[in-house]
């Protein structure tokens, strides 16, 4: 079921100031997809989610879920939360400690006063789906964090909603369990084929789970796209930096040539993938650490004897000095100094580089992203 949001505004007063939690948000969330609202704390993503579900009342705008308008300032429409037929999974799971697993999951159906046989069948089906068969009589709070998260998911699914909303549901799990649960959740939601709106500030979560990501900042939608587009083709330095670690280097456009744009930067001249900037425009050159692959001077750089004799320098090549190396298991996180600039690099874990070594690296044009300054 598609969700259409138009001109949504929500302001809060705090200490004599007006905070624009949502600032004229326009957004279309496609049906049967996993749509993630991603952004830093205080950007408005949870407020937007709460407006969709009906837990916050906007100041202006309109929200449509499918063919139904659930809130409109101009039409004076307000549909209560319980009539919007949405499922919701909260950050804290909201598991009732005095109930067992069965009653936690059955509660939405019991509130609708459905027949007991139907409730039993639907709860059993839902618990089987989230792999909690046999846990019906278990006290809910005696489960592990990942199991409690599945109970919360089952309770949201048991009423068979057309839309399910998640407010940072994995943030209370440890790193390993969060990774495992993320995989399970992706599988569950893909099988369900319903609309899922997911709120997180964790970029890895957003990249792993989403069909579409909307990046928010200061109450506005800054950029929307699929995970690869957002990661590899960001349109602003904020998004490029927020979605993943990145080296952001001031640069000036020199010229366009075929499918490439040439810039002059603090670490030299670079040919980058084509960008729509006029010569003379000040831009930001974005180099991901994983694309900076240092090697010793001359290693792996094919040159003809004539090129070597002329002191040939390959395009997009940079020489620098390793300033720091931090072993993190699957890689070294390093810093390479090039003049006054420090560049982050992700280096193979079996490297024999040491701090102080002189290295060179080449970044292909297609991995050099230019964004607005």
Protein backbone atom coordinates (compact mmCIF):
# COMPACT_ATOMS: atom_id res chain seq x y z
CA UNK A 1 0.00 0.00 0.00
CA UNK A 2 1.48 3.34 -1.08
CA UNK A 3 1.91 6.21 1.37
CA UNK A 4 1.74 9.75 0.00
CA UNK A 5 2.89 12.68 2.15
CA UNK A 6 2.39 16.26 0.97
CA UNK A 7 3.56 19.52 2.54
CA UNK A 8 3.82 18.01 6.02
CA UNK A 9 4.84 20.42 8.79
CA UNK A 10 5.33 19.85 12.49
CA UNK A 11 6.82 22.52 14.75
CA UNK A 12 7.67 22.33 18.44
CA UNK A 13 8.26 25.21 20.87
CA UNK A 14 11.29 24.81 23.14
CA UNK A 15 12.83 27.45 25.42
CA UNK A 16 11.24 30.27 23.47
CA UNK A 17 12.38 28.88 20.10
CA UNK A 18 10.42 27.21 17.31
CA UNK A 19 11.94 23.90 16.16
CA UNK A 20 10.91 22.77 12.69
CA UNK A 21 10.79 19.01 13.23
CA UNK A 22 9.16 18.59 9.80
CA UNK A 23 9.58 21.38 7.29
CA UNK A 24 7.22 20.96 4.30
CA UNK A 25 8.00 17.28 3.71
CA UNK A 26 6.88 15.77 0.39
CA UNK A 27 7.39 12.03 0.09
CA UNK A 28 6.01 9.04 -1.80
CA UNK A 29 6.61 5.64 -0.20
CA UNK A 30 5.99 2.91 -2.80
CA UNK A 31 3.79 -0.07 -1.99
CA UNK A 32 5.34 -3.40 -0.99
CA UNK A 33 8.85 -2.05 -0.44
CA UNK A 34 11.18 -1.50 2.52
CA UNK A 35 11.53 2.27 2.78
CA UNK A 36 14.05 3.66 5.28
CA UNK A 37 14.16 7.12 6.83
CA UNK A 38 17.83 7.69 7.64
CA UNK A 39 19.42 10.63 9.39
CA UNK A 40 21.14 11.93 12.52
CA UNK A 41 19.38 12.33 15.85
CA UNK A 42 16.93 15.23 15.79
CA UNK A 43 16.49 15.29 12.01
CA UNK A 44 12.74 14.57 12.18
CA UNK A 45 12.60 10.93 11.08
CA UNK A 46 10.82 9.61 14.18
CA UNK A 47 8.42 12.57 14.17
CA UNK A 48 7.54 11.73 10.56
CA UNK A 49 6.95 8.08 11.48
CA UNK A 50 4.73 9.09 14.42
CA UNK A 51 2.72 11.39 12.18
CA UNK A 52 2.11 8.52 9.73
CA UNK A 53 0.91 6.20 12.49
CA UNK A 54 -1.15 8.94 14.18
CA UNK A 55 0.82 9.34 17.42
CA UNK A 56 1.69 12.96 16.49
CA UNK A 57 -0.63 15.53 14.95
CA UNK A 58 1.04 17.60 12.20
CA UNK A 59 0.51 21.36 11.90
CA UNK A 60 -0.14 21.31 8.16
CA UNK A 61 -0.10 19.03 5.13
CA UNK A 62 -1.69 15.75 4.15
CA UNK A 63 -1.07 12.01 4.63
CA UNK A 64 -2.66 9.38 2.39
CA UNK A 65 -2.35 5.63 2.97
CA UNK A 66 -3.51 3.80 -0.13
CA UNK A 67 -6.66 5.50 -1.37
CA UNK A 68 -7.59 6.90 2.04
CA UNK A 69 -6.68 10.30 3.45
CA UNK A 70 -5.83 9.71 7.13
CA UNK A 71 -4.86 13.30 7.93
CA UNK A 72 -5.36 16.60 6.12
CA UNK A 73 -5.20 20.15 7.44
CA UNK A 74 -7.19 21.58 4.51
CA UNK A 75 -9.89 18.89 4.47
CA UNK A 76 -10.00 18.71 8.28
CA UNK A 77 -9.54 14.94 8.23
CA UNK A 78 -8.13 12.98 11.17
CA UNK A 79 -8.33 9.20 11.28
CA UNK A 80 -7.42 7.80 14.72
CA UNK A 81 -4.40 5.51 15.04
CA UNK A 82 -6.44 2.37 15.68
CA UNK A 83 -8.38 2.87 12.42
CA UNK A 84 -5.33 3.29 10.19
CA UNK A 85 -4.70 -0.48 10.20
CA UNK A 86 -0.95 -0.14 10.65
CA UNK A 87 1.53 -2.34 12.51
CA UNK A 88 4.22 -0.74 14.69
CA UNK A 89 7.46 -2.06 16.20
CA UNK A 90 9.00 0.28 18.77
CA UNK A 91 12.60 0.79 19.82
CA UNK A 92 11.90 -0.70 23.26
CA UNK A 93 9.68 -3.53 21.85
CA UNK A 94 6.93 -2.60 24.40
CA UNK A 95 6.68 -6.23 25.56
CA UNK A 96 4.18 -6.62 28.40
CA UNK A 97 6.08 -8.29 31.28
CA UNK A 98 2.99 -9.83 32.92
CA UNK A 99 2.01 -11.71 29.73
CA UNK A 100 3.45 -14.77 28.08
CA UNK A 101 4.45 -14.83 24.40
CA UNK A 102 1.02 -15.99 23.22
CA UNK A 103 -0.88 -13.21 24.97
CA UNK A 104 1.61 -10.54 23.89
CA UNK A 105 1.10 -11.50 20.26
CA UNK A 106 -2.65 -12.13 20.60
CA UNK A 107 -3.44 -8.79 22.25
CA UNK A 108 -4.35 -6.85 19.04
CA UNK A 109 -6.77 -9.60 18.04
CA UNK A 110 -8.23 -9.84 21.56
CA UNK A 111 -8.82 -6.08 21.48
CA UNK A 112 -10.83 -6.62 18.27
CA UNK A 113 -12.85 -9.33 20.13
CA UNK A 114 -12.22 -11.93 17.46
CA UNK A 115 -13.27 -15.56 18.10
CA UNK A 116 -10.83 -17.53 20.26
CA UNK A 117 -10.24 -20.19 17.60
CA UNK A 118 -9.32 -17.58 15.01
CA UNK A 119 -6.99 -15.85 17.48
CA UNK A 120 -5.26 -19.14 18.28
CA UNK A 121 -4.79 -20.02 14.63
CA UNK A 122 -3.48 -16.61 13.60
CA UNK A 123 -1.07 -16.40 16.55
CA UNK A 124 0.28 -19.88 15.78
CA UNK A 125 0.76 -18.98 12.12
CA UNK A 126 2.55 -15.72 12.98
CA UNK A 127 4.82 -17.29 15.61
CA UNK A 128 5.79 -19.97 13.10
CA UNK A 129 6.65 -17.25 10.58
CA UNK A 130 9.03 -15.52 13.03
CA UNK A 131 10.46 -18.89 14.13
CA UNK A 132 9.04 -18.87 17.66
CA UNK A 133 6.95 -22.04 17.56
CA UNK A 134 6.82 -23.68 20.98
CA UNK A 135 7.43 -20.41 22.84
CA UNK A 136 3.74 -19.65 23.41
CA UNK A 137 3.76 -20.20 27.18
CA UNK A 138 7.19 -18.68 27.79
CA UNK A 139 7.25 -15.44 29.85
CA UNK A 140 8.06 -12.79 27.23
CA UNK A 141 10.68 -11.01 29.34
CA UNK A 142 12.61 -14.27 29.85
CA UNK A 143 13.49 -14.34 26.16
CA UNK A 144 16.73 -13.04 24.62
CA UNK A 145 16.82 -9.60 23.07
CA UNK A 146 16.55 -11.01 19.56
CA UNK A 147 13.61 -13.22 20.54
CA UNK A 148 11.81 -10.29 22.18
CA UNK A 149 12.29 -8.33 18.97
CA UNK A 150 10.61 -11.19 17.09
CA UNK A 151 7.71 -11.17 19.56
CA UNK A 152 7.24 -7.46 18.87
CA UNK A 153 7.36 -8.15 15.14
CA UNK A 154 4.82 -10.99 15.47
CA UNK A 155 2.44 -8.74 17.44
CA UNK A 156 2.69 -6.11 14.69
CA UNK A 157 2.05 -8.72 11.96
CA UNK A 158 -0.72 -10.76 13.55
CA UNK A 159 -3.43 -8.22 12.63
CA UNK A 160 -2.30 -8.53 8.99
CA UNK A 161 -1.61 -4.82 8.39
CA UNK A 162 -0.96 -3.40 4.94
CA UNK A 163 1.82 -1.21 6.34
CA UNK A 164 4.26 -1.87 9.19
CA UNK A 165 6.44 0.81 10.77
CA UNK A 166 9.71 0.33 12.67
CA UNK A 167 11.25 2.90 15.03
CA UNK A 168 14.93 1.85 15.42
CA UNK A 169 13.94 -1.68 16.53
CA UNK A 170 17.49 -3.10 16.63
CA UNK A 171 19.24 -0.32 18.54
CA UNK A 172 19.07 -2.14 21.89
CA UNK A 173 20.80 -5.28 20.60
CA UNK A 174 24.53 -5.95 20.77
CA UNK A 175 26.50 -5.72 17.53
CA UNK A 176 26.56 -9.45 16.65
CA UNK A 177 22.89 -10.02 17.48
CA UNK A 178 21.94 -6.86 15.59
CA UNK A 179 23.67 -8.21 12.48
CA UNK A 180 21.92 -11.59 12.74
CA UNK A 181 18.50 -10.03 13.42
CA UNK A 182 18.95 -7.62 10.52
CA UNK A 183 19.31 -10.57 8.14
CA UNK A 184 16.21 -12.26 9.57
CA UNK A 185 14.18 -9.06 9.34
CA UNK A 186 15.18 -8.54 5.70
CA UNK A 187 14.04 -12.09 4.91
CA UNK A 188 10.74 -11.70 6.79
CA UNK A 189 9.83 -8.39 5.15
CA UNK A 190 10.81 -9.56 1.67
CA UNK A 191 8.56 -12.62 2.03
CA UNK A 192 5.62 -10.60 3.37
CA UNK A 193 5.41 -8.23 0.39
CA UNK A 194 3.94 -5.39 2.44
CA UNK A 195 4.98 -1.77 2.81
CA UNK A 196 7.56 -1.31 5.57
CA UNK A 197 8.70 2.11 6.80
CA UNK A 198 11.91 1.83 8.82
CA UNK A 199 13.56 4.55 10.91
CA UNK A 200 17.26 4.35 11.80
CA UNK A 201 20.40 6.43 12.22
CA UNK A 202 22.56 3.37 11.44
CA UNK A 203 23.83 3.59 7.84
CA UNK A 204 24.75 -0.13 7.66
CA UNK A 205 21.23 -1.06 8.74
CA UNK A 206 19.77 1.24 6.09
CA UNK A 207 22.03 -0.08 3.32
CA UNK A 208 21.41 -3.74 4.22
CA UNK A 209 17.63 -3.61 4.67
CA UNK A 210 16.27 -1.03 2.26
CA UNK A 211 14.81 -0.97 -1.19
CA UNK A 212 14.78 2.84 -0.95
CA UNK A 213 16.47 5.26 1.46
CA UNK A 214 15.40 8.83 2.21
CA UNK A 215 18.11 10.83 3.99
CA UNK A 216 16.76 13.51 6.33
CA UNK A 217 18.36 16.61 7.80
CA UNK A 218 16.78 19.42 9.87
CA UNK A 219 13.24 18.34 9.11
CA UNK A 220 13.71 17.98 5.35
CA UNK A 221 14.21 15.13 2.91
CA UNK A 222 17.66 15.80 1.46
CA UNK A 223 17.96 12.91 -0.98
CA UNK A 224 16.11 9.73 -1.95
CA UNK A 225 17.31 6.67 -3.85
CA UNK A 226 18.19 2.99 -3.69
CA UNK A 227 21.15 2.03 -1.45
CA UNK A 228 23.73 1.90 -4.27
CA UNK A 229 22.62 5.23 -5.69
CA UNK A 230 22.80 6.90 -2.27
CA UNK A 231 26.21 5.36 -1.50
CA UNK A 232 27.95 5.71 -4.86
CA UNK A 233 26.06 8.64 -6.36
CA UNK A 234 25.28 11.03 -3.52
CA UNK A 235 24.38 14.54 -4.63
CA UNK A 236 25.63 16.45 -1.57
CA UNK A 237 28.64 16.30 0.72
CA UNK A 238 26.32 15.80 3.72
CA UNK A 239 24.79 12.63 2.25
CA UNK A 240 28.14 11.34 0.94
CA UNK A 241 29.67 11.71 4.39
CA UNK A 242 26.67 10.48 6.39
CA UNK A 243 26.00 7.31 4.38
CA UNK A 244 29.59 6.11 4.77
CA UNK A 245 33.08 7.19 5.75
CA UNK A 246 34.47 9.43 3.07
CA UNK A 247 37.35 11.75 2.26
CA UNK A 248 35.86 15.10 1.29
CA UNK A 249 38.40 17.26 -0.53
CA UNK A 250 37.80 20.81 -1.83
CA UNK A 251 38.23 20.99 -5.61
CA UNK A 252 37.60 23.24 -8.60
CA UNK A 253 36.23 22.06 -11.93
CA UNK A 254 38.71 22.57 -14.78
CA UNK A 255 36.89 21.02 -17.73
CA UNK A 256 34.59 18.30 -18.97
CA UNK A 257 35.93 15.64 -21.30
CA UNK A 258 33.68 12.94 -22.74
CA UNK A 259 32.30 10.92 -19.82
CA UNK A 260 34.64 12.54 -17.29
CA UNK A 261 34.95 15.80 -15.42
CA UNK A 262 38.45 17.07 -14.59
CA UNK A 263 39.08 18.89 -11.31
CA UNK A 264 42.03 20.41 -9.51
CA UNK A 265 42.16 19.54 -5.81
CA UNK A 266 44.42 19.87 -2.80
CA UNK A 267 45.92 16.44 -3.62
CA UNK A 268 46.30 17.01 -7.36
CA UNK A 269 44.37 16.81 -10.60
CA UNK A 270 41.66 14.15 -10.90
CA UNK A 271 39.50 12.82 -13.68
CA UNK A 272 36.10 11.94 -12.20
CA UNK A 273 32.91 10.41 -13.51
CA UNK A 274 30.82 12.93 -15.42
CA UNK A 275 29.17 15.59 -13.27
CA UNK A 276 27.02 18.53 -14.29
CA UNK A 277 29.28 21.34 -13.06
CA UNK A 278 30.56 24.26 -15.14
CA UNK A 279 34.30 25.04 -15.32
CA UNK A 280 35.36 27.17 -12.37
CA UNK A 281 32.73 25.72 -10.02
CA UNK A 282 33.94 24.93 -6.52
CA UNK A 283 32.95 21.36 -5.63
CA UNK A 284 33.82 18.57 -3.22
CA UNK A 285 35.78 15.53 -4.37
CA UNK A 286 34.56 12.45 -2.52
CA UNK A 287 36.94 9.46 -2.23
CA UNK A 288 35.75 6.41 -0.28
CA UNK A 289 38.46 4.83 1.95
CA UNK A 290 37.86 1.40 0.40
CA UNK A 291 38.87 2.73 -3.03
CA UNK A 292 42.22 4.03 -1.78
CA UNK A 293 44.47 1.00 -2.23
CA UNK A 294 48.05 1.98 -1.39
CA UNK A 295 51.11 0.17 -2.73
CA UNK A 296 54.79 0.81 -2.85
CA UNK A 297 56.04 3.24 -5.44
CA UNK A 298 56.02 1.55 -8.86
CA UNK A 299 54.28 -1.66 -7.76
CA UNK A 300 51.55 -2.72 -10.16
CA UNK A 301 51.74 0.40 -12.34
CA UNK A 302 52.29 -0.60 -15.94
CA UNK A 303 54.55 1.81 -17.80
CA UNK A 304 56.36 1.56 -21.09
CA UNK A 305 60.11 2.31 -21.11
CA UNK A 306 59.36 5.60 -22.88
CA UNK A 307 56.87 6.59 -20.18
CA UNK A 308 59.34 5.71 -17.44
CA UNK A 309 62.00 7.79 -19.15
CA UNK A 310 59.73 10.83 -19.27
CA UNK A 311 58.81 10.48 -15.60
CA UNK A 312 55.29 9.37 -16.54
CA UNK A 313 52.69 9.85 -13.79
CA UNK A 314 49.51 7.77 -14.25
CA UNK A 315 46.19 9.64 -14.13
CA UNK A 316 44.59 10.03 -10.67
CA UNK A 317 47.76 8.84 -8.94
CA UNK A 318 48.78 10.21 -5.56
CA UNK A 319 51.86 9.76 -3.41
CA UNK A 320 51.76 10.09 0.35
CA UNK A 321 53.06 8.85 3.69
CA UNK A 322 51.28 6.48 6.05
CA UNK A 323 50.66 8.40 9.25
CA UNK A 324 48.53 5.96 11.26
CA UNK A 325 47.56 2.27 11.05
CA UNK A 326 44.84 0.77 13.24
CA UNK A 327 44.16 -2.97 13.04
CA UNK A 328 40.40 -3.71 13.25
CA UNK A 329 40.38 -7.41 12.33
CA UNK A 330 39.24 -7.59 8.74
CA UNK A 331 41.38 -4.61 7.69
CA UNK A 332 43.71 -1.84 8.78
CA UNK A 333 42.16 1.59 9.06
CA UNK A 334 44.93 3.92 7.99
CA UNK A 335 45.59 7.59 7.38
CA UNK A 336 47.79 8.74 4.51
CA UNK A 337 49.19 12.24 4.53
CA UNK A 338 49.33 14.00 1.17
CA UNK A 339 50.73 17.49 1.75
CA UNK A 340 48.39 19.15 4.25
CA UNK A 341 45.61 16.61 3.66
CA UNK A 342 44.97 13.44 5.67
CA UNK A 343 43.12 10.71 3.77
CA UNK A 344 41.39 7.73 5.37
CA UNK A 345 42.19 4.38 3.74
CA UNK A 346 41.03 0.82 4.32
CA UNK A 347 44.05 -1.45 3.85
CA UNK A 348 44.25 -5.25 3.51
CA UNK A 349 44.78 -6.98 6.88
CA UNK A 350 47.86 -8.90 5.64
CA UNK A 351 49.75 -5.75 4.61
CA UNK A 352 53.35 -5.25 5.63
CA UNK A 353 53.08 -1.45 5.55
CA UNK A 354 54.36 0.47 8.56
CA UNK A 355 53.80 3.99 9.80
CA UNK A 356 56.16 6.28 7.91
CA UNK A 357 56.18 4.28 4.66
CA UNK A 358 55.85 6.17 1.40
CA UNK A 359 53.03 4.78 -0.74
CA UNK A 360 51.18 5.57 -3.95
CA UNK A 361 47.61 4.88 -4.96
CA UNK A 362 45.42 5.37 -8.02
CA UNK A 363 41.67 5.99 -7.82
CA UNK A 364 39.80 5.20 -11.08
CA UNK A 365 37.62 7.99 -12.44
CA UNK A 366 34.40 6.00 -11.90
CA UNK A 367 35.18 5.85 -8.17
CA UNK A 368 35.80 9.62 -7.88
CA UNK A 369 32.50 11.30 -6.96
CA UNK A 370 31.93 15.03 -7.29
CA UNK A 371 29.25 16.66 -5.15
CA UNK A 372 28.13 20.21 -4.53
CA UNK A 373 30.29 22.10 -2.07
